Structures are given as structure tokens and as C-alpha cells.
N, C-alpha and C. Protein backbone atom coordinates (compact mmCIF):
# COMPACT_ATOMS: atom_id res chain seq x y z
N UNK A 1 100.79 73.72 89.47
CA UNK A 1 99.47 74.35 89.48
C UNK A 1 99.60 75.80 89.91
N UNK A 2 98.95 76.69 89.19
CA UNK A 2 98.97 78.11 89.52
C UNK A 2 98.23 78.34 90.83
N UNK A 3 98.88 79.07 91.75
CA UNK A 3 98.30 79.31 93.07
C UNK A 3 97.85 80.76 93.20
N UNK A 4 96.59 80.96 93.56
CA UNK A 4 96.00 82.29 93.70
C UNK A 4 95.64 82.53 95.16
N UNK A 5 96.03 83.69 95.65
CA UNK A 5 95.64 84.12 96.99
C UNK A 5 94.48 85.10 96.86
N UNK A 6 93.31 84.70 97.33
CA UNK A 6 92.12 85.56 97.33
C UNK A 6 92.10 86.33 98.65
N UNK A 7 92.09 87.65 98.57
CA UNK A 7 92.08 88.48 99.77
C UNK A 7 90.74 89.20 99.82
N UNK A 8 89.85 88.73 100.67
CA UNK A 8 88.46 89.21 100.72
C UNK A 8 87.91 88.96 102.11
N UNK A 9 87.35 90.02 102.74
CA UNK A 9 86.87 89.86 104.11
C UNK A 9 85.41 89.44 104.19
N UNK A 10 84.70 89.46 103.07
CA UNK A 10 83.30 88.99 103.06
C UNK A 10 83.31 87.48 102.84
N UNK A 11 82.87 86.68 103.84
CA UNK A 11 82.96 85.22 103.72
C UNK A 11 82.23 84.65 102.52
N UNK A 12 81.05 85.20 102.19
CA UNK A 12 80.28 84.67 101.07
C UNK A 12 80.99 84.93 99.74
N UNK A 13 81.52 86.14 99.58
CA UNK A 13 82.24 86.47 98.35
C UNK A 13 83.51 85.63 98.24
N UNK A 14 84.23 85.50 99.35
CA UNK A 14 85.46 84.72 99.36
C UNK A 14 85.20 83.27 98.98
N UNK A 15 84.13 82.69 99.53
CA UNK A 15 83.79 81.30 99.22
C UNK A 15 83.42 81.15 97.75
N UNK A 16 82.65 82.10 97.22
CA UNK A 16 82.27 82.04 95.82
C UNK A 16 83.47 82.10 94.90
N UNK A 17 84.41 83.00 95.21
CA UNK A 17 85.62 83.12 94.40
C UNK A 17 86.47 81.85 94.51
N UNK A 18 86.58 81.34 95.71
CA UNK A 18 87.36 80.13 95.92
C UNK A 18 86.79 78.96 95.12
N UNK A 19 85.48 78.78 95.19
CA UNK A 19 84.84 77.68 94.46
C UNK A 19 85.02 77.83 92.95
N UNK A 20 84.78 79.04 92.45
CA UNK A 20 84.83 79.28 91.01
C UNK A 20 86.25 79.08 90.47
N UNK A 21 87.24 79.62 91.17
CA UNK A 21 88.61 79.52 90.69
C UNK A 21 89.17 78.11 90.86
N UNK A 22 88.71 77.39 91.89
CA UNK A 22 89.12 76.00 92.05
C UNK A 22 88.60 75.15 90.90
N UNK A 23 87.35 75.39 90.51
CA UNK A 23 86.78 74.67 89.37
C UNK A 23 87.52 74.99 88.08
N UNK A 24 88.10 76.19 88.03
CA UNK A 24 88.86 76.61 86.85
C UNK A 24 90.25 75.96 86.81
N UNK A 25 90.62 75.25 87.89
CA UNK A 25 91.88 74.54 87.90
C UNK A 25 93.00 75.20 88.68
N UNK A 26 92.69 76.27 89.42
CA UNK A 26 93.70 76.95 90.23
C UNK A 26 93.72 76.39 91.65
N UNK A 27 94.88 76.45 92.28
CA UNK A 27 94.97 76.19 93.71
C UNK A 27 94.70 77.51 94.42
N UNK A 28 93.73 77.53 95.33
CA UNK A 28 93.26 78.79 95.90
C UNK A 28 93.45 78.80 97.42
N UNK A 29 94.00 79.91 97.91
CA UNK A 29 94.05 80.18 99.35
C UNK A 29 93.31 81.48 99.61
N UNK A 30 92.81 81.63 100.83
CA UNK A 30 92.01 82.81 101.18
C UNK A 30 92.62 83.49 102.40
N UNK A 31 92.73 84.82 102.33
CA UNK A 31 93.11 85.64 103.48
C UNK A 31 91.99 86.64 103.71
N UNK A 32 91.66 86.89 104.99
CA UNK A 32 90.49 87.71 105.32
C UNK A 32 90.83 89.15 105.69
N UNK A 33 92.12 89.47 105.82
CA UNK A 33 92.50 90.86 106.11
C UNK A 33 93.85 91.15 105.48
N UNK A 34 94.20 92.43 105.43
CA UNK A 34 95.42 92.83 104.74
C UNK A 34 96.69 92.29 105.37
N UNK A 35 96.76 92.30 106.67
CA UNK A 35 97.97 91.81 107.34
C UNK A 35 98.18 90.32 107.08
N UNK A 36 97.11 89.54 107.12
CA UNK A 36 97.22 88.10 106.84
C UNK A 36 97.65 87.87 105.40
N UNK A 37 97.13 88.69 104.49
CA UNK A 37 97.49 88.56 103.08
C UNK A 37 98.97 88.83 102.87
N UNK A 38 99.47 89.90 103.48
CA UNK A 38 100.87 90.26 103.34
C UNK A 38 101.77 89.16 103.91
N UNK A 39 101.41 88.66 105.10
CA UNK A 39 102.20 87.61 105.74
C UNK A 39 102.27 86.36 104.88
N UNK A 40 101.14 86.00 104.25
CA UNK A 40 101.13 84.80 103.41
C UNK A 40 101.91 85.02 102.13
N UNK A 41 101.74 86.17 101.49
CA UNK A 41 102.36 86.41 100.20
C UNK A 41 103.88 86.43 100.29
N UNK A 42 104.42 86.99 101.38
CA UNK A 42 105.88 87.10 101.48
C UNK A 42 106.55 85.75 101.72
N UNK A 43 105.80 84.74 102.11
CA UNK A 43 106.40 83.42 102.29
C UNK A 43 106.65 82.72 100.96
N UNK A 44 106.07 83.24 99.87
CA UNK A 44 106.33 82.69 98.55
C UNK A 44 105.33 81.63 98.12
N UNK A 45 105.46 81.21 96.87
CA UNK A 45 104.60 80.16 96.33
C UNK A 45 103.27 80.65 95.77
N UNK A 46 103.04 81.96 95.81
CA UNK A 46 101.81 82.54 95.27
C UNK A 46 102.10 83.13 93.90
N UNK A 47 101.28 82.80 92.91
CA UNK A 47 101.48 83.32 91.56
C UNK A 47 100.68 84.59 91.30
N UNK A 48 99.53 84.72 91.95
CA UNK A 48 98.68 85.88 91.72
C UNK A 48 97.89 86.19 92.99
N UNK A 49 97.79 87.47 93.32
CA UNK A 49 96.99 87.92 94.46
C UNK A 49 95.77 88.66 93.92
N UNK A 50 94.59 88.17 94.27
CA UNK A 50 93.33 88.84 93.94
C UNK A 50 92.97 89.66 95.17
N UNK A 51 93.18 90.96 95.11
CA UNK A 51 93.29 91.80 96.29
C UNK A 51 92.17 92.82 96.38
N UNK A 52 91.23 92.60 97.31
CA UNK A 52 90.18 93.57 97.54
C UNK A 52 90.78 94.83 98.17
N UNK A 53 90.22 95.98 97.84
CA UNK A 53 90.75 97.24 98.38
C UNK A 53 90.29 97.46 99.82
N UNK A 54 88.99 97.28 100.08
CA UNK A 54 88.43 97.58 101.39
C UNK A 54 88.61 96.38 102.30
N UNK A 55 89.67 96.44 103.13
CA UNK A 55 90.01 95.32 104.01
C UNK A 55 90.27 95.82 105.42
N UNK A 56 90.03 94.98 106.42
CA UNK A 56 90.43 95.35 107.79
C UNK A 56 91.94 95.26 107.96
N UNK A 57 92.45 96.02 108.93
CA UNK A 57 93.84 96.01 109.38
C UNK A 57 94.81 96.67 108.40
N UNK A 58 94.79 96.30 107.14
CA UNK A 58 95.53 97.00 106.09
C UNK A 58 94.66 97.00 104.85
N UNK A 59 94.51 98.15 104.18
CA UNK A 59 93.70 98.12 102.97
C UNK A 59 94.53 97.57 101.81
N UNK A 60 93.84 97.33 100.71
CA UNK A 60 94.50 96.70 99.57
C UNK A 60 95.64 97.52 99.00
N UNK A 61 95.50 98.83 99.01
CA UNK A 61 96.58 99.68 98.50
C UNK A 61 97.84 99.54 99.36
N UNK A 62 97.66 99.48 100.67
CA UNK A 62 98.81 99.31 101.57
C UNK A 62 99.49 97.96 101.33
N UNK A 63 98.69 96.93 101.13
CA UNK A 63 99.25 95.60 100.87
C UNK A 63 100.04 95.60 99.57
N UNK A 64 99.46 96.19 98.53
CA UNK A 64 100.11 96.26 97.22
C UNK A 64 101.45 96.99 97.34
N UNK A 65 101.43 98.14 98.01
CA UNK A 65 102.65 98.93 98.19
C UNK A 65 103.71 98.12 98.96
N UNK A 66 103.28 97.43 100.00
CA UNK A 66 104.22 96.66 100.82
C UNK A 66 104.83 95.50 100.03
N UNK A 67 104.04 94.84 99.22
CA UNK A 67 104.55 93.73 98.41
C UNK A 67 105.60 94.21 97.42
N UNK A 68 105.33 95.33 96.77
CA UNK A 68 106.29 95.82 95.78
C UNK A 68 107.55 96.36 96.45
N UNK A 69 107.41 96.98 97.62
CA UNK A 69 108.60 97.47 98.31
C UNK A 69 109.51 96.34 98.76
N UNK A 70 108.92 95.16 98.96
CA UNK A 70 109.71 93.98 99.33
C UNK A 70 110.31 93.28 98.11
N UNK A 71 110.04 93.82 96.94
CA UNK A 71 110.60 93.26 95.72
C UNK A 71 109.91 92.02 95.22
N UNK A 72 108.68 91.77 95.68
CA UNK A 72 107.95 90.57 95.25
C UNK A 72 107.34 90.80 93.87
N UNK A 73 107.59 89.86 92.99
CA UNK A 73 107.15 90.00 91.60
C UNK A 73 105.83 89.28 91.35
N UNK A 74 105.11 88.93 92.42
CA UNK A 74 103.83 88.25 92.26
C UNK A 74 102.84 89.15 91.52
N UNK A 75 102.01 88.53 90.66
CA UNK A 75 100.99 89.29 89.94
C UNK A 75 99.90 89.74 90.92
N UNK A 76 99.38 90.96 90.72
CA UNK A 76 98.36 91.52 91.60
C UNK A 76 97.22 92.08 90.77
N UNK A 77 95.99 91.65 91.10
CA UNK A 77 94.78 92.25 90.54
C UNK A 77 94.02 92.90 91.68
N UNK A 78 93.82 94.21 91.58
CA UNK A 78 93.06 94.95 92.57
C UNK A 78 91.56 94.78 92.30
N UNK A 79 90.81 94.50 93.35
CA UNK A 79 89.34 94.40 93.24
C UNK A 79 88.74 95.54 94.05
N UNK A 80 87.97 96.38 93.40
CA UNK A 80 87.42 97.54 94.08
C UNK A 80 85.96 97.77 93.73
N UNK A 81 85.21 98.26 94.69
CA UNK A 81 83.82 98.65 94.44
C UNK A 81 83.74 100.11 94.05
N UNK A 82 84.86 100.79 94.10
CA UNK A 82 84.88 102.22 93.80
C UNK A 82 84.93 102.43 92.29
N UNK A 83 84.27 103.49 91.83
CA UNK A 83 84.19 103.75 90.40
C UNK A 83 85.05 104.93 89.98
N UNK A 84 85.68 105.61 90.92
CA UNK A 84 86.50 106.76 90.57
C UNK A 84 87.77 106.31 89.85
N UNK A 85 88.05 106.95 88.72
CA UNK A 85 89.22 106.59 87.93
C UNK A 85 90.50 106.73 88.75
N UNK A 86 90.55 107.72 89.63
CA UNK A 86 91.76 107.95 90.43
C UNK A 86 92.11 106.74 91.29
N UNK A 87 91.10 106.04 91.82
CA UNK A 87 91.35 104.86 92.65
C UNK A 87 91.98 103.74 91.82
N UNK A 88 91.50 103.60 90.59
CA UNK A 88 92.05 102.56 89.73
C UNK A 88 93.49 102.89 89.34
N UNK A 89 93.72 104.15 88.99
CA UNK A 89 95.07 104.58 88.62
C UNK A 89 96.03 104.41 89.79
N UNK A 90 95.58 104.73 91.01
CA UNK A 90 96.42 104.58 92.18
C UNK A 90 96.89 103.13 92.34
N UNK A 91 95.97 102.18 92.18
CA UNK A 91 96.35 100.78 92.29
C UNK A 91 97.41 100.39 91.28
N UNK A 92 97.27 100.86 90.04
CA UNK A 92 98.25 100.56 89.01
C UNK A 92 99.59 101.22 89.30
N UNK A 93 99.56 102.45 89.79
CA UNK A 93 100.80 103.15 90.11
C UNK A 93 101.54 102.49 91.28
N UNK A 94 100.80 101.86 92.16
CA UNK A 94 101.44 101.18 93.29
C UNK A 94 102.01 99.83 92.92
N UNK A 95 101.73 99.38 91.69
CA UNK A 95 102.33 98.14 91.23
C UNK A 95 101.37 97.03 90.87
N UNK A 96 100.05 97.29 90.98
CA UNK A 96 99.09 96.27 90.56
C UNK A 96 99.18 96.06 89.05
N UNK A 97 98.90 94.85 88.61
CA UNK A 97 98.99 94.53 87.19
C UNK A 97 97.68 94.76 86.46
N UNK A 98 96.58 94.79 87.20
CA UNK A 98 95.26 94.99 86.58
C UNK A 98 94.28 95.29 87.70
N UNK A 99 93.04 95.60 87.33
CA UNK A 99 91.99 95.78 88.33
C UNK A 99 90.65 95.35 87.75
N UNK A 100 89.75 94.97 88.63
CA UNK A 100 88.35 94.72 88.26
C UNK A 100 87.48 95.48 89.24
N UNK A 101 86.34 95.93 88.77
CA UNK A 101 85.44 96.72 89.59
C UNK A 101 84.19 95.92 89.90
N UNK A 102 83.83 95.85 91.18
CA UNK A 102 82.60 95.17 91.58
C UNK A 102 81.39 96.00 91.12
N UNK A 103 80.30 95.30 90.71
CA UNK A 103 80.19 93.85 90.51
C UNK A 103 80.83 93.43 89.19
N UNK A 104 81.42 92.26 89.16
CA UNK A 104 82.02 91.74 87.95
C UNK A 104 81.51 90.33 87.73
N UNK A 105 81.55 89.87 86.50
CA UNK A 105 81.10 88.52 86.19
C UNK A 105 82.27 87.55 86.38
N UNK A 106 81.97 86.30 86.74
CA UNK A 106 83.05 85.31 86.85
C UNK A 106 83.85 85.17 85.55
N UNK A 107 83.17 85.28 84.41
CA UNK A 107 83.85 85.16 83.13
C UNK A 107 84.86 86.29 82.94
N UNK A 108 84.47 87.52 83.32
CA UNK A 108 85.39 88.65 83.21
C UNK A 108 86.60 88.45 84.10
N UNK A 109 86.37 88.01 85.33
CA UNK A 109 87.48 87.81 86.25
C UNK A 109 88.43 86.74 85.74
N UNK A 110 87.87 85.64 85.25
CA UNK A 110 88.73 84.57 84.73
C UNK A 110 89.58 85.08 83.56
N UNK A 111 88.97 85.89 82.70
CA UNK A 111 89.71 86.44 81.56
C UNK A 111 90.82 87.37 82.03
N UNK A 112 90.53 88.19 83.04
CA UNK A 112 91.54 89.11 83.58
C UNK A 112 92.71 88.32 84.18
N UNK A 113 92.39 87.28 84.92
CA UNK A 113 93.43 86.47 85.55
C UNK A 113 94.33 85.83 84.49
N UNK A 114 93.72 85.26 83.47
CA UNK A 114 94.51 84.61 82.41
C UNK A 114 95.39 85.62 81.70
N UNK A 115 94.85 86.80 81.44
CA UNK A 115 95.63 87.84 80.75
C UNK A 115 96.82 88.28 81.59
N UNK A 116 96.58 88.52 82.88
CA UNK A 116 97.67 88.96 83.76
C UNK A 116 98.74 87.88 83.89
N UNK A 117 98.33 86.62 84.04
CA UNK A 117 99.30 85.54 84.17
C UNK A 117 100.14 85.40 82.90
N UNK A 118 99.53 85.65 81.74
CA UNK A 118 100.31 85.63 80.50
C UNK A 118 101.33 86.76 80.48
N UNK A 119 100.87 87.95 80.90
CA UNK A 119 101.74 89.13 80.84
C UNK A 119 102.84 89.11 81.89
N UNK A 120 102.66 88.35 82.95
CA UNK A 120 103.65 88.33 84.04
C UNK A 120 104.30 86.96 84.15
N UNK A 121 104.40 86.26 83.03
CA UNK A 121 104.94 84.90 83.04
C UNK A 121 106.39 84.85 83.46
N UNK A 122 106.85 83.67 83.80
CA UNK A 122 108.20 83.48 84.31
C UNK A 122 109.27 83.55 83.22
N UNK A 123 108.86 83.76 81.95
CA UNK A 123 109.85 83.89 80.89
C UNK A 123 110.37 85.32 80.78
N UNK A 124 109.90 86.22 81.62
CA UNK A 124 110.39 87.58 81.61
C UNK A 124 111.86 87.62 82.00
N UNK A 125 112.63 88.55 81.40
CA UNK A 125 114.01 88.70 81.86
C UNK A 125 114.04 89.19 83.30
N UNK A 126 114.90 88.60 84.11
CA UNK A 126 114.99 89.01 85.51
C UNK A 126 115.77 90.30 85.65
N UNK A 127 116.76 90.49 84.76
CA UNK A 127 117.60 91.68 84.81
C UNK A 127 117.88 92.16 83.39
N UNK A 128 118.33 93.39 83.30
CA UNK A 128 118.76 93.94 82.02
C UNK A 128 119.83 94.97 82.30
N UNK A 129 120.72 95.15 81.32
CA UNK A 129 121.79 96.14 81.45
C UNK A 129 122.05 96.74 80.07
N UNK A 130 122.20 98.06 80.02
CA UNK A 130 122.55 98.75 78.79
C UNK A 130 123.17 100.09 79.19
N UNK A 131 124.26 100.43 78.50
CA UNK A 131 124.97 101.64 78.88
C UNK A 131 125.39 101.56 80.34
N UNK A 132 125.08 102.61 81.10
CA UNK A 132 125.39 102.60 82.53
C UNK A 132 124.17 102.28 83.37
N UNK A 133 123.16 101.67 82.73
CA UNK A 133 121.89 101.36 83.40
C UNK A 133 121.84 99.87 83.72
N UNK A 134 121.44 99.55 84.95
CA UNK A 134 121.16 98.17 85.35
C UNK A 134 119.77 98.14 86.00
N UNK A 135 118.99 97.16 85.63
CA UNK A 135 117.65 97.06 86.21
C UNK A 135 117.39 95.63 86.64
N UNK A 136 116.83 95.50 87.83
CA UNK A 136 116.42 94.20 88.38
C UNK A 136 114.90 94.23 88.45
N UNK A 137 114.25 93.55 87.51
CA UNK A 137 112.79 93.61 87.44
C UNK A 137 112.14 92.87 88.59
N UNK A 138 112.77 91.81 89.06
CA UNK A 138 112.20 91.05 90.17
C UNK A 138 112.18 91.87 91.45
N UNK A 139 113.24 92.67 91.65
CA UNK A 139 113.33 93.49 92.85
C UNK A 139 112.76 94.89 92.65
N UNK A 140 112.30 95.19 91.41
CA UNK A 140 111.78 96.52 91.09
C UNK A 140 112.82 97.59 91.44
N UNK A 141 114.05 97.38 90.94
CA UNK A 141 115.14 98.30 91.27
C UNK A 141 115.86 98.73 89.99
N UNK A 142 116.05 100.03 89.88
CA UNK A 142 116.76 100.62 88.75
C UNK A 142 118.00 101.33 89.26
N UNK A 143 119.14 101.07 88.59
CA UNK A 143 120.39 101.74 88.94
C UNK A 143 120.99 102.38 87.69
N UNK A 144 121.62 103.51 87.90
CA UNK A 144 122.35 104.16 86.82
C UNK A 144 123.69 104.61 87.36
N UNK A 145 124.75 104.14 86.72
CA UNK A 145 126.07 104.44 87.22
C UNK A 145 126.31 103.88 88.61
N UNK A 146 125.60 102.81 88.95
CA UNK A 146 125.73 102.17 90.25
C UNK A 146 124.85 102.75 91.33
N UNK A 147 124.23 103.91 91.07
CA UNK A 147 123.38 104.56 92.08
C UNK A 147 121.92 104.20 91.85
N UNK A 148 121.19 103.94 92.93
CA UNK A 148 119.78 103.62 92.81
C UNK A 148 119.01 104.85 92.34
N UNK A 149 118.14 104.64 91.36
CA UNK A 149 117.28 105.70 90.82
C UNK A 149 115.84 105.31 91.10
N UNK A 150 115.09 106.21 91.74
CA UNK A 150 113.69 105.89 92.02
C UNK A 150 112.91 105.80 90.72
N UNK A 151 112.19 104.71 90.55
CA UNK A 151 111.29 104.52 89.40
C UNK A 151 110.02 103.89 89.90
N UNK A 152 108.89 104.34 89.39
CA UNK A 152 107.61 103.78 89.82
C UNK A 152 107.43 102.39 89.20
N UNK A 153 106.57 101.56 89.80
CA UNK A 153 106.27 100.25 89.19
C UNK A 153 105.80 100.37 87.74
N UNK A 154 105.00 101.39 87.43
CA UNK A 154 104.53 101.56 86.06
C UNK A 154 105.68 101.86 85.12
N UNK A 155 106.61 102.70 85.56
CA UNK A 155 107.77 103.00 84.72
C UNK A 155 108.61 101.75 84.47
N UNK A 156 108.76 100.91 85.48
CA UNK A 156 109.54 99.69 85.30
C UNK A 156 108.79 98.68 84.42
N UNK A 157 107.48 98.65 84.51
CA UNK A 157 106.71 97.80 83.60
C UNK A 157 106.86 98.28 82.16
N UNK A 158 106.88 99.60 81.99
CA UNK A 158 107.09 100.18 80.67
C UNK A 158 108.47 99.81 80.13
N UNK A 159 109.48 99.92 80.98
CA UNK A 159 110.83 99.53 80.57
C UNK A 159 110.89 98.04 80.24
N UNK A 160 110.20 97.21 81.00
CA UNK A 160 110.17 95.78 80.72
C UNK A 160 109.55 95.52 79.35
N UNK A 161 108.49 96.25 79.01
CA UNK A 161 107.86 96.09 77.69
C UNK A 161 108.86 96.40 76.58
N UNK A 162 109.68 97.44 76.78
CA UNK A 162 110.69 97.78 75.78
C UNK A 162 111.78 96.72 75.73
N UNK A 163 112.25 96.27 76.89
CA UNK A 163 113.33 95.28 76.95
C UNK A 163 112.89 93.97 76.29
N UNK A 164 111.62 93.63 76.43
CA UNK A 164 111.09 92.42 75.79
C UNK A 164 111.09 92.52 74.27
N UNK A 165 111.07 93.76 73.76
CA UNK A 165 110.86 93.97 72.32
C UNK A 165 111.95 94.88 71.75
N UNK A 166 113.22 94.52 71.88
CA UNK A 166 114.28 95.39 71.39
C UNK A 166 114.21 95.59 69.88
N UNK A 167 114.37 96.84 69.44
CA UNK A 167 114.38 97.14 68.02
C UNK A 167 113.02 97.19 67.36
N UNK A 168 111.96 96.85 68.09
CA UNK A 168 110.61 96.84 67.53
C UNK A 168 109.90 98.14 67.88
N UNK A 169 109.24 98.72 66.89
CA UNK A 169 108.45 99.92 67.15
C UNK A 169 107.13 99.50 67.80
N UNK A 170 106.87 100.01 68.99
CA UNK A 170 105.64 99.72 69.72
C UNK A 170 104.74 100.94 69.67
N UNK A 171 103.52 100.75 69.22
CA UNK A 171 102.57 101.85 69.21
C UNK A 171 102.15 102.18 70.63
N UNK A 172 101.54 103.34 70.80
CA UNK A 172 101.06 103.71 72.13
C UNK A 172 100.00 102.73 72.62
N UNK A 173 99.15 102.27 71.72
CA UNK A 173 98.12 101.30 72.13
C UNK A 173 98.75 99.98 72.52
N UNK A 174 99.79 99.55 71.82
CA UNK A 174 100.48 98.32 72.22
C UNK A 174 101.09 98.48 73.61
N UNK A 175 101.64 99.65 73.89
CA UNK A 175 102.22 99.89 75.22
C UNK A 175 101.14 99.88 76.30
N UNK A 176 99.99 100.45 76.00
CA UNK A 176 98.87 100.41 76.95
C UNK A 176 98.51 98.96 77.25
N UNK A 177 98.38 98.14 76.22
CA UNK A 177 98.01 96.74 76.41
C UNK A 177 99.06 95.98 77.23
N UNK A 178 100.33 96.27 76.99
CA UNK A 178 101.41 95.55 77.65
C UNK A 178 101.62 96.01 79.09
N UNK A 179 101.41 97.30 79.35
CA UNK A 179 101.74 97.85 80.66
C UNK A 179 100.52 97.95 81.57
N UNK A 180 99.43 98.50 81.04
CA UNK A 180 98.23 98.70 81.86
C UNK A 180 97.20 97.59 81.68
N UNK A 181 97.25 96.87 80.57
CA UNK A 181 96.30 95.80 80.30
C UNK A 181 95.35 96.16 79.18
N UNK A 182 94.90 95.16 78.42
CA UNK A 182 94.02 95.42 77.28
C UNK A 182 92.71 96.09 77.70
N UNK A 183 92.26 97.00 76.87
CA UNK A 183 90.96 97.63 77.09
C UNK A 183 90.94 98.76 78.09
N UNK A 184 92.11 99.16 78.61
CA UNK A 184 92.15 100.23 79.60
C UNK A 184 92.06 101.60 78.92
N UNK A 185 91.35 102.51 79.55
CA UNK A 185 91.14 103.85 79.00
C UNK A 185 92.32 104.75 79.35
N UNK A 186 93.47 104.41 78.81
CA UNK A 186 94.69 105.19 79.02
C UNK A 186 94.95 105.99 77.75
N UNK A 187 95.09 107.30 77.89
CA UNK A 187 95.25 108.16 76.71
C UNK A 187 96.69 108.14 76.22
N UNK A 188 96.90 108.48 74.94
CA UNK A 188 98.27 108.57 74.43
C UNK A 188 99.13 109.54 75.23
N UNK A 189 98.52 110.63 75.73
CA UNK A 189 99.28 111.60 76.51
C UNK A 189 99.86 110.96 77.78
N UNK A 190 99.09 110.06 78.42
CA UNK A 190 99.59 109.38 79.61
C UNK A 190 100.80 108.52 79.26
N UNK A 191 100.74 107.81 78.14
CA UNK A 191 101.88 107.01 77.69
C UNK A 191 103.09 107.91 77.46
N UNK A 192 102.88 109.02 76.75
CA UNK A 192 103.98 109.94 76.46
C UNK A 192 104.60 110.49 77.74
N UNK A 193 103.77 110.78 78.73
CA UNK A 193 104.27 111.31 80.00
C UNK A 193 105.15 110.29 80.71
N UNK A 194 104.72 109.04 80.74
CA UNK A 194 105.51 108.00 81.38
C UNK A 194 106.81 107.75 80.63
N UNK A 195 106.77 107.81 79.29
CA UNK A 195 107.99 107.65 78.51
C UNK A 195 108.96 108.80 78.82
N UNK A 196 108.43 110.02 78.88
CA UNK A 196 109.28 111.18 79.18
C UNK A 196 109.92 111.04 80.57
N UNK A 197 109.13 110.60 81.54
CA UNK A 197 109.68 110.40 82.90
C UNK A 197 110.76 109.33 82.91
N UNK A 198 110.52 108.25 82.16
CA UNK A 198 111.51 107.17 82.12
C UNK A 198 112.79 107.64 81.44
N UNK A 199 112.67 108.43 80.38
CA UNK A 199 113.85 108.96 79.71
C UNK A 199 114.71 109.80 80.66
N UNK A 200 114.06 110.57 81.53
CA UNK A 200 114.80 111.39 82.48
C UNK A 200 115.70 110.54 83.37
N UNK A 201 115.29 109.30 83.60
CA UNK A 201 116.02 108.42 84.51
C UNK A 201 117.03 107.53 83.80
N UNK A 202 116.89 107.39 82.46
CA UNK A 202 117.75 106.49 81.71
C UNK A 202 118.77 107.19 80.84
N UNK A 203 118.38 108.33 80.30
CA UNK A 203 119.15 108.96 79.23
C UNK A 203 120.12 110.01 79.75
N UNK A 204 121.32 110.06 79.15
CA UNK A 204 122.26 111.12 79.46
C UNK A 204 121.71 112.46 78.98
N UNK A 205 121.03 112.45 77.84
CA UNK A 205 120.40 113.65 77.28
C UNK A 205 118.97 113.29 76.90
N UNK A 206 118.01 113.48 77.82
CA UNK A 206 116.63 113.09 77.52
C UNK A 206 116.04 113.76 76.28
N UNK A 207 116.54 114.94 75.94
CA UNK A 207 116.03 115.64 74.75
C UNK A 207 116.48 114.96 73.46
N UNK A 208 117.58 114.21 73.53
CA UNK A 208 118.07 113.45 72.37
C UNK A 208 118.29 112.01 72.83
N UNK A 209 117.22 111.27 73.02
CA UNK A 209 117.31 109.94 73.64
C UNK A 209 118.11 108.95 72.82
N UNK A 210 118.87 108.14 73.54
CA UNK A 210 119.68 107.09 72.91
C UNK A 210 118.96 105.76 72.94
N UNK A 211 118.19 105.50 73.98
CA UNK A 211 117.60 104.18 74.18
C UNK A 211 116.13 104.11 73.77
N UNK A 212 115.30 105.03 74.26
CA UNK A 212 113.88 105.02 73.92
C UNK A 212 113.65 106.09 72.87
N UNK A 213 113.57 105.65 71.63
CA UNK A 213 113.54 106.55 70.49
C UNK A 213 112.11 106.69 69.97
N UNK A 214 111.66 107.91 69.78
CA UNK A 214 110.33 108.14 69.22
C UNK A 214 110.33 107.96 67.72
N UNK A 215 109.30 107.30 67.21
CA UNK A 215 109.10 107.14 65.77
C UNK A 215 107.84 107.92 65.41
N UNK A 216 108.01 109.02 64.74
CA UNK A 216 106.94 109.97 64.50
C UNK A 216 105.71 109.31 63.87
N UNK A 217 104.56 109.55 64.49
CA UNK A 217 103.31 109.04 63.96
C UNK A 217 103.06 107.57 64.22
N UNK A 218 104.01 106.89 64.92
CA UNK A 218 103.85 105.45 65.17
C UNK A 218 103.92 105.14 66.66
N UNK A 219 105.07 105.41 67.27
CA UNK A 219 105.21 105.08 68.69
C UNK A 219 106.65 105.22 69.13
N UNK A 220 107.18 104.17 69.79
CA UNK A 220 108.53 104.22 70.35
C UNK A 220 109.26 102.91 70.06
N UNK A 221 110.61 103.04 69.97
CA UNK A 221 111.46 101.89 69.74
C UNK A 221 112.56 101.89 70.79
N UNK A 222 112.89 100.70 71.29
CA UNK A 222 113.97 100.56 72.27
C UNK A 222 115.23 100.09 71.57
N UNK A 223 116.28 100.93 71.60
CA UNK A 223 117.57 100.60 71.00
C UNK A 223 118.61 100.39 72.10
N UNK A 224 119.48 99.43 71.92
CA UNK A 224 120.56 99.22 72.89
C UNK A 224 121.92 99.36 72.20
């Protein structure tokens, strides 16, 4: 049974989420503050964390950052009442897989959870190696020539999308759906920027890429 950790300090909201998700067939646990959420998540057995941003003791962004720094591959959905695009982007850059903005409908949340669980399923490759590059997706660690190279969670999700689809041309919209989630207002320029940043970390000559090859007017292809 899929286990979801609901992190919410409002008792009424937490109870409502717990009841709704339990009826949907999930095993649900509740944490009321950021420190409790982090302590529970690191013990394992959690498939998805539904993580409110505004929390006592540690906010949701701090929890998300701490989970990813520990190499935990648990799925994370950020829940925020804030409407600023920068807050949503920050959550994704810290390693969240998706976000929902309050108020949201139970149907929307259920759909988001199902989508994220599909995208972060256990059939993902745990590691990949090509050329002098080694990547451990579970630990969120990238190495080149044996040396650790800093890569953001979004860059590693982008690399995972390519590794999953070797030799296939992926459009920018397909990459948005795979990395940021369906329906996200991510522009093609944002995709291009992340690809360029990733090339700097993977390619011997980023101007003439060997692995992430641009296909004019279509998108990108991953060659090994």
C-alpha cells in the first residue's frame, strides 16, 4: 500500500486530508511540524510527502532541502497558500516533484498525487554511466571523472528524463511534463537554460555536445 506523509499544522485540514486520502486507498500518517516530518521521513517507508510550506519549527522549504541533501528519493508535493510564482519555482528547485496552491479541490490533489507517483515510480534507473559521467539518482549525486559535480535536483530530474528515453527526441513540452509536471507554466527558454546548465556539467565541449543533442525545431535527444 502506498504510504503518504501529510505534513500540516492545522488539525482540521490535516484530518480532512487524512480522511480523504485514506478513502482513496492510501496509508496516511500525519506530522504537525517540520522537524517531526523530517524525523519520520528519514526512517523510510514513505512513498510521498504532502508538505505544507508554512510550518512551525522548520518550514516546508527547509524540510524539502534537508530530505534531498540526505539523498532521499521520496516523492514530494509542496502545498502553499502563496501565489507568487517565485515560491513555486523555489520548491521545485529544492527538489519537490510538484506543487498545489491552496485552496485546492480534493479531486485536483488526488490527480496530482497519482501523476507524481507515476513519474517517480520504482522502475526508474537507480544509476547511470556514460563517458566519464556517473550519476546516482537515488542519492542525487553526479560525478564526472570521479569528482562530484554540483547539480540541482531539477537538473538531475532533467537528466533522468533523458536517461529514460535514450535516442528519442523529446520536445520542450514533453520535458516540461516529465520534469516539472503536466500543465506547468514553464517557458521553452527555461527548458533551454536548464539544458545548457546541464551540458556544462556533462560535456567536454558544451558548444558541441556529445550527449544532449539539440534537434532544430523539435527539442533534444540523449545519445550515449
